[in-house]
Amino acid sequence: MTHSSKQEHSHSQSAILGLQHLLSMYAGSILVPIMIAGALGYSARELTYLISTDIFMCGVATFLQLQLNKQFGIGLPVVLGCAFQSVAPLSIIGAQQGSGAMFGALIASGIYVILVAGFFSKIARFFPAIVTSSVITTIGLTLIPVAMGNMGDNATKPSLQSMILALMTVAIILAVQKFATGFIKSIAILIGLIVGTIIAAFMGLVDMSVISSAPWLHVPTPFYFGAPQFEITSIIMMCIIATVSMVESTGVYLALSDITKDPLDSTRLRNGYHSEGIAVLLGGIFNTFPYTGFSQNVGLVQLSGIKTRRPIYYTTLFLVIIGLLPKFGAMAQMIPSPVL
């Protein structure tokens, strides 16, 4: 049996695979709180809270989605992260109505997702096969601009040093994919990230200060920014965004179902939406953001060939630890953009 099968790996191997999933989604997940905090003028302390709690809640949301029971959980190797499409509407609500209305709208939209999950699961099966079969290709195409920006360290005029580092990282990943076999081949991306970061350190591109400046302990606090407010226009806006996220998540779930050869029925889809709704509801309570299936991790499942849930359970564990112990999360922030 090959490593592209659904066989379970050892716990040590699964932990390494889980770390690979963590690193593939970490930068994208913290981008949402950074952008919203910047738009609303939050302090450095408030931003630290948002990032740490967001990472913690990503772990909780993913754990809920990994379950396979009668009420919630899609039961696929899916990772949930912050929904990027929520940045603009939440920034508008926060600026015009305040943080209370922003998080109140999230709570309401989470309840909305739970309530419409049954209906949505019935119509999801009518999505054209051509749409679901092209999700992986679409994922790759939408991530190209992000990758190109990272290659140049997101600068207007990328430096030659950054471009060389990015190309070296890609070359390492491709070499491992080409010449390695079995488990080593399945962690090609992780190897590329580690070796690329080591090379970057010798080039003086790794900032170690992020570790020393990070706090040791963080405790998520319900209603950190104050009591929620339920403003009707804000609620309607976030319910629309929640519907868009459900459509996006449906594509992720169906793509993973196709990759893992694990068919989904309307009940499992409903339970998947239930988990997503609970995650959004908890996001509002703990003052973070809405969550949706992360497409880049679907691509990683496809590339690594590892199709079981155990590595993702380790990802959830790492996310919770990083959320509670920000110094560990700062280690991932050391990775330079050209390497990512």
Protein backbone atom coordinates (compact mmCIF):
# COMPACT_ATOMS: atom_id res chain seq x y z
CA MET A 1 0.00 0.00 0.00
CA THR A 2 1.43 3.39 -0.96
CA HIS A 3 1.48 6.68 0.91
CA SER A 4 -1.10 8.06 -1.50
CA SER A 5 -3.65 5.72 0.05
CA LYS A 6 -5.87 6.32 3.06
CA GLN A 7 -3.67 4.27 5.40
CA GLU A 8 -2.97 5.72 8.85
CA HIS A 9 0.57 6.88 9.53
CA SER A 10 2.40 6.75 12.84
CA HIS A 11 1.65 9.54 15.28
CA SER A 12 5.09 11.09 14.73
CA GLN A 13 4.58 11.12 10.96
CA SER A 14 1.04 12.45 11.36
CA ALA A 15 2.35 15.24 13.60
CA ILE A 16 4.85 16.27 10.92
CA LEU A 17 2.11 16.21 8.28
CA GLY A 18 -0.09 18.26 10.61
CA LEU A 19 2.69 20.83 10.96
CA GLN A 20 2.84 21.06 7.17
CA HIS A 21 -0.89 21.85 7.06
CA LEU A 22 -0.43 24.42 9.82
CA LEU A 23 2.30 26.28 7.97
CA SER A 24 0.32 26.27 4.73
CA MET A 25 -2.63 28.06 6.34
CA TYR A 26 -1.01 30.17 9.07
CA ALA A 27 -0.13 33.26 7.05
CA GLY A 28 -3.54 33.39 5.38
CA SER A 29 -5.34 32.97 8.67
CA ILE A 30 -3.63 35.82 10.52
CA LEU A 31 -4.02 38.15 7.53
CA VAL A 32 -7.73 38.73 8.23
CA PRO A 33 -7.31 40.04 11.81
CA ILE A 34 -4.31 42.12 10.74
CA MET A 35 -6.29 43.80 7.94
CA ILE A 36 -9.41 44.42 10.03
CA ALA A 37 -7.41 45.70 13.02
CA GLY A 38 -5.55 48.07 10.70
CA ALA A 39 -8.78 49.33 9.15
CA LEU A 40 -10.37 49.98 12.55
CA GLY A 41 -7.28 51.43 14.24
CA TYR A 42 -6.96 48.78 16.94
CA SER A 43 -3.99 49.00 19.30
CA ALA A 44 -1.03 46.59 19.24
CA ARG A 45 -2.43 44.87 22.33
CA GLU A 46 -5.83 44.43 20.69
CA LEU A 47 -4.18 43.07 17.53
CA THR A 48 -2.24 40.55 19.63
CA TYR A 49 -5.52 39.42 21.16
CA LEU A 50 -7.18 39.10 17.75
CA ILE A 51 -4.36 37.06 16.20
CA SER A 52 -3.93 34.68 19.16
CA THR A 53 -7.65 34.12 19.63
CA ASP A 54 -8.13 33.70 15.89
CA ILE A 55 -5.49 30.96 15.76
CA PHE A 56 -7.01 29.26 18.81
CA MET A 57 -10.49 29.37 17.28
CA CYS A 58 -9.18 28.01 13.96
CA GLY A 59 -8.17 24.93 15.95
CA VAL A 60 -11.57 24.67 17.62
CA ALA A 61 -13.43 25.20 14.33
CA THR A 62 -11.32 22.60 12.52
CA PHE A 63 -11.83 20.09 15.35
CA LEU A 64 -15.60 20.52 15.07
CA GLN A 65 -15.44 19.92 11.32
CA LEU A 66 -13.33 16.75 11.65
CA GLN A 67 -16.06 15.02 13.64
CA LEU A 68 -18.46 12.55 12.06
CA ASN A 69 -21.60 12.29 14.16
CA LYS A 70 -25.32 12.84 13.84
CA GLN A 71 -25.32 16.61 14.35
CA PHE A 72 -22.07 18.22 13.22
CA GLY A 73 -18.84 17.56 11.36
CA ILE A 74 -18.13 16.81 7.69
CA GLY A 75 -15.63 14.09 8.63
CA LEU A 76 -13.08 15.03 5.95
CA PRO A 77 -9.43 16.21 6.27
CA VAL A 78 -10.44 19.87 6.09
CA VAL A 79 -8.88 22.88 7.83
CA LEU A 80 -11.00 25.90 8.73
CA GLY A 81 -9.55 29.39 8.68
CA CYS A 82 -10.75 32.99 8.58
CA ALA A 83 -13.00 33.82 5.63
CA PHE A 84 -11.15 36.45 3.60
CA GLN A 85 -14.38 37.69 2.01
CA SER A 86 -15.43 39.00 5.44
CA VAL A 87 -12.66 41.64 5.61
CA ALA A 88 -14.43 44.44 3.71
CA PRO A 89 -17.93 44.10 5.25
CA LEU A 90 -16.60 43.69 8.80
CA SER A 91 -14.34 46.71 8.35
CA ILE A 92 -17.33 48.76 7.15
CA ILE A 93 -19.55 47.60 10.02
CA GLY A 94 -16.81 48.19 12.59
CA ALA A 95 -16.07 51.67 11.28
CA GLN A 96 -19.71 52.77 11.02
CA GLN A 97 -21.44 50.87 13.82
CA GLY A 98 -18.62 49.89 16.19
CA SER A 99 -17.07 46.62 17.30
CA GLY A 100 -20.20 45.56 19.20
CA ALA A 101 -22.30 45.59 16.03
CA MET A 102 -19.55 43.78 14.12
CA PHE A 103 -19.41 40.86 16.54
CA GLY A 104 -23.18 40.88 17.09
CA ALA A 105 -23.65 40.44 13.34
CA LEU A 106 -21.24 37.49 13.45
CA ILE A 107 -23.23 35.81 16.21
CA ALA A 108 -26.45 36.28 14.24
CA SER A 109 -24.89 35.01 11.00
CA GLY A 110 -23.60 31.91 12.80
CA ILE A 111 -27.14 31.14 13.97
CA TYR A 112 -28.35 31.79 10.41
CA VAL A 113 -25.92 29.21 8.99
CA ILE A 114 -27.08 26.60 11.50
CA LEU A 115 -30.74 27.26 10.66
CA VAL A 116 -30.36 27.10 6.85
CA ALA A 117 -27.90 24.17 6.86
CA GLY A 118 -30.59 21.57 6.15
CA PHE A 119 -32.01 23.46 3.16
CA PHE A 120 -28.59 24.32 1.77
CA SER A 121 -27.46 20.70 1.97
CA LYS A 122 -30.42 19.68 -0.20
CA ILE A 123 -29.58 22.08 -3.03
CA ALA A 124 -25.80 21.57 -2.88
CA ARG A 125 -26.09 18.24 -4.71
CA PHE A 126 -27.44 20.08 -7.75
CA PHE A 127 -24.18 22.00 -8.18
CA PRO A 128 -22.85 21.13 -11.64
CA ALA A 129 -20.12 18.47 -11.66
CA ILE A 130 -18.00 20.71 -13.87
CA VAL A 131 -17.92 23.26 -11.03
CA THR A 132 -16.82 20.83 -8.34
CA SER A 133 -14.28 19.11 -10.57
CA SER A 134 -12.58 22.42 -11.34
CA VAL A 135 -12.22 23.56 -7.72
CA ILE A 136 -8.60 22.39 -7.39
CA THR A 137 -7.63 24.24 -10.58
CA THR A 138 -9.42 27.37 -9.39
CA ILE A 139 -7.68 27.15 -6.03
CA GLY A 140 -4.31 27.05 -7.74
CA LEU A 141 -5.12 29.98 -10.02
CA THR A 142 -6.42 32.19 -7.20
CA LEU A 143 -3.30 31.56 -5.12
CA ILE A 144 -0.91 32.55 -7.94
CA PRO A 145 -1.11 36.34 -7.24
CA VAL A 146 -0.44 35.68 -3.54
CA ALA A 147 2.56 33.50 -4.36
CA MET A 148 3.93 36.05 -6.82
CA GLY A 149 3.62 38.79 -4.20
CA ASN A 150 5.40 36.66 -1.62
CA MET A 151 8.23 35.91 -4.05
CA GLY A 152 9.11 39.60 -4.11
CA ASP A 153 8.51 40.03 -0.36
CA ASN A 154 5.36 41.98 -1.33
CA ALA A 155 7.49 44.95 -2.40
CA THR A 156 6.72 47.26 -5.33
CA LYS A 157 10.21 46.56 -6.70
CA PRO A 158 11.20 43.05 -5.58
CA SER A 159 14.86 42.58 -4.66
CA LEU A 160 17.03 40.06 -6.49
CA GLN A 161 17.78 38.46 -3.12
CA SER A 162 14.08 37.80 -2.44
CA MET A 163 13.52 36.35 -5.91
CA ILE A 164 16.53 34.03 -5.59
CA LEU A 165 15.34 32.81 -2.18
CA ALA A 166 11.83 32.11 -3.52
CA LEU A 167 13.17 30.21 -6.54
CA MET A 168 15.54 28.18 -4.35
CA THR A 169 12.62 27.20 -2.09
CA VAL A 170 10.55 26.11 -5.09
CA ALA A 171 13.52 24.15 -6.46
CA ILE A 172 13.94 22.31 -3.14
CA ILE A 173 10.24 21.37 -3.04
CA LEU A 174 10.28 20.15 -6.64
CA ALA A 175 13.48 18.16 -6.04
CA VAL A 176 11.97 16.39 -3.03
CA GLN A 177 8.78 15.71 -5.00
CA LYS A 178 10.82 14.32 -7.89
CA PHE A 179 13.46 12.22 -6.17
CA ALA A 180 12.08 11.29 -2.74
CA THR A 181 9.60 8.51 -2.07
CA GLY A 182 7.02 7.58 0.54
CA PHE A 183 6.68 9.77 3.61
CA ILE A 184 9.55 12.12 2.72
CA LYS A 185 7.87 12.90 -0.59
CA SER A 186 4.60 13.70 1.19
CA ILE A 187 6.28 16.42 3.31
CA ALA A 188 8.10 18.10 0.41
CA ILE A 189 6.49 21.47 1.14
CA LEU A 190 7.47 21.35 4.82
CA ILE A 191 11.06 20.47 3.90
CA GLY A 192 11.12 23.37 1.45
CA LEU A 193 9.86 25.79 4.13
CA ILE A 194 12.43 24.64 6.69
CA VAL A 195 15.42 24.62 4.33
CA GLY A 196 14.29 27.90 2.75
CA THR A 197 14.09 29.55 6.18
CA ILE A 198 17.57 28.28 7.10
CA ILE A 199 18.95 29.74 3.86
CA ALA A 200 17.09 32.98 4.58
CA ALA A 201 18.71 33.14 8.03
CA PHE A 202 22.17 33.04 6.43
CA MET A 203 21.00 35.83 4.11
CA GLY A 204 19.93 37.95 7.08
CA LEU A 205 16.22 37.78 6.21
CA VAL A 206 14.91 36.09 9.38
CA ASP A 207 13.59 38.35 12.15
CA MET A 208 14.12 36.66 15.54
CA SER A 209 12.68 39.62 17.47
CA VAL A 210 9.12 38.41 16.87
CA ILE A 211 9.72 35.60 19.37
CA SER A 212 11.11 37.78 22.17
CA SER A 213 8.32 40.34 21.77
CA ALA A 214 5.49 37.77 21.86
CA PRO A 215 3.75 37.14 25.22
CA TRP A 216 4.05 33.76 26.94
CA LEU A 217 0.37 33.10 27.63
CA HIS A 218 -2.92 34.15 26.05
CA VAL A 219 -6.41 33.32 27.28
CA PRO A 220 -9.36 33.84 24.86
CA THR A 221 -11.98 36.03 26.53
CA PRO A 222 -15.69 36.14 25.62
CA PHE A 223 -16.83 39.62 24.54
CA TYR A 224 -13.31 41.07 24.88
CA PHE A 225 -14.39 44.19 22.96
CA GLY A 226 -17.62 44.63 24.92
CA ALA A 227 -21.21 43.44 24.69
CA PRO A 228 -22.52 42.56 21.20
CA GLN A 229 -25.03 44.81 19.49
CA PHE A 230 -27.54 43.48 16.99
CA GLU A 231 -28.00 46.03 14.21
CA ILE A 232 -30.26 44.77 11.42
CA THR A 233 -28.33 46.11 8.41
CA SER A 234 -25.08 44.65 9.72
CA ILE A 235 -26.76 41.31 10.37
CA ILE A 236 -28.17 41.13 6.83
CA MET A 237 -24.77 41.99 5.38
CA MET A 238 -23.01 39.23 7.34
CA CYS A 239 -25.73 36.68 6.53
CA ILE A 240 -25.05 37.36 2.84
CA ILE A 241 -21.32 36.87 3.45
CA ALA A 242 -22.10 33.68 5.38
CA THR A 243 -24.03 32.36 2.37
CA VAL A 244 -21.06 33.11 0.11
CA SER A 245 -18.80 31.27 2.56
CA MET A 246 -21.14 28.27 2.51
CA VAL A 247 -20.90 28.13 -1.28
CA GLU A 248 -17.11 28.32 -1.04
CA SER A 249 -17.02 25.64 1.65
CA THR A 250 -19.26 23.41 -0.46
CA GLY A 251 -16.66 23.51 -3.21
CA VAL A 252 -13.95 22.62 -0.69
CA TYR A 253 -15.98 19.73 0.76
CA LEU A 254 -16.89 18.30 -2.63
CA ALA A 255 -13.32 18.63 -3.86
CA LEU A 256 -12.03 16.80 -0.78
CA SER A 257 -14.73 14.18 -1.22
CA ASP A 258 -13.49 13.60 -4.77
CA ILE A 259 -9.81 13.50 -3.71
CA THR A 260 -10.39 11.10 -0.81
CA LYS A 261 -13.01 9.01 -2.64
CA ASP A 262 -15.31 9.53 0.34
CA PRO A 263 -18.81 10.33 -0.99
CA LEU A 264 -20.94 12.95 0.76
CA ASP A 265 -24.69 12.84 1.22
CA SER A 266 -26.98 15.68 2.26
CA THR A 267 -26.76 14.69 5.93
CA ARG A 268 -22.98 15.01 6.05
CA LEU A 269 -23.15 18.31 4.17
CA ARG A 270 -25.75 19.57 6.65
CA ASN A 271 -23.52 18.56 9.56
CA GLY A 272 -20.59 20.30 7.88
CA TYR A 273 -22.60 23.51 7.65
CA HIS A 274 -23.65 23.03 11.29
CA SER A 275 -19.98 22.96 12.31
CA GLU A 276 -19.28 26.04 10.24
CA GLY A 277 -22.21 27.87 11.82
CA ILE A 278 -21.09 26.92 15.33
CA ALA A 279 -17.57 28.14 14.49
CA VAL A 280 -18.90 31.51 13.26
CA LEU A 281 -21.09 31.80 16.37
CA LEU A 282 -18.10 31.11 18.63
CA GLY A 283 -16.08 33.60 16.59
CA GLY A 284 -18.62 36.29 17.44
CA ILE A 285 -18.65 35.37 21.12
CA PHE A 286 -14.85 35.36 21.45
CA ASN A 287 -14.52 38.40 19.18
CA THR A 288 -12.72 36.87 16.22
CA PHE A 289 -14.03 36.32 12.71
CA PRO A 290 -16.06 33.92 10.51
CA TYR A 291 -14.53 30.60 9.47
CA THR A 292 -14.68 28.65 6.25
CA GLY A 293 -12.94 25.68 4.61
CA PHE A 294 -9.40 26.69 3.63
CA SER A 295 -8.75 25.97 -0.02
CA GLN A 296 -4.94 25.90 0.21
CA ASN A 297 -5.13 22.87 2.49
CA VAL A 298 -7.21 21.06 -0.15
CA GLY A 299 -4.32 21.56 -2.54
CA LEU A 300 -1.94 20.20 0.10
CA VAL A 301 -4.05 17.05 0.53
CA GLN A 302 -3.86 16.59 -3.24
CA LEU A 303 -0.11 17.24 -3.44
CA SER A 304 0.90 15.15 -0.42
CA GLY A 305 -1.46 12.28 -1.21
CA ILE A 306 -2.29 11.92 2.51
CA LYS A 307 -6.06 11.65 2.74
CA THR A 308 -6.78 10.80 6.39
CA ARG A 309 -7.94 13.03 9.24
CA ARG A 310 -5.23 12.16 11.78
CA PRO A 311 -2.71 14.76 10.52
CA ILE A 312 -5.43 17.43 10.70
CA TYR A 313 -6.13 16.49 14.32
CA TYR A 314 -2.49 17.33 15.00
CA THR A 315 -3.00 20.59 13.12
CA THR A 316 -5.86 21.46 15.48
CA LEU A 317 -3.65 20.65 18.47
CA PHE A 318 -0.88 22.90 17.15
CA LEU A 319 -3.36 25.70 16.47
CA VAL A 320 -4.74 25.56 20.01
CA ILE A 321 -1.23 25.51 21.52
CA ILE A 322 -0.10 28.43 19.37
CA GLY A 323 -3.25 30.35 20.28
CA LEU A 324 -2.60 29.83 24.00
CA LEU A 325 1.21 30.25 23.79
CA PRO A 326 1.91 33.07 21.31
CA LYS A 327 5.70 32.57 21.43
CA PHE A 328 5.22 29.31 19.53
CA GLY A 329 3.11 31.10 16.96
CA ALA A 330 5.85 33.68 16.53
CA MET A 331 8.13 30.91 15.24
CA ALA A 332 5.89 30.55 12.20
CA GLN A 333 6.02 34.33 11.70
CA MET A 334 9.81 34.03 11.32
CA ILE A 335 9.37 32.42 7.90
CA PRO A 336 10.11 35.15 5.30
CA SER A 337 7.47 35.93 2.67
CA PRO A 338 9.67 34.75 -0.26
CA VAL A 339 9.83 31.29 1.35
CA LEU A 340 6.05 31.20 1.75
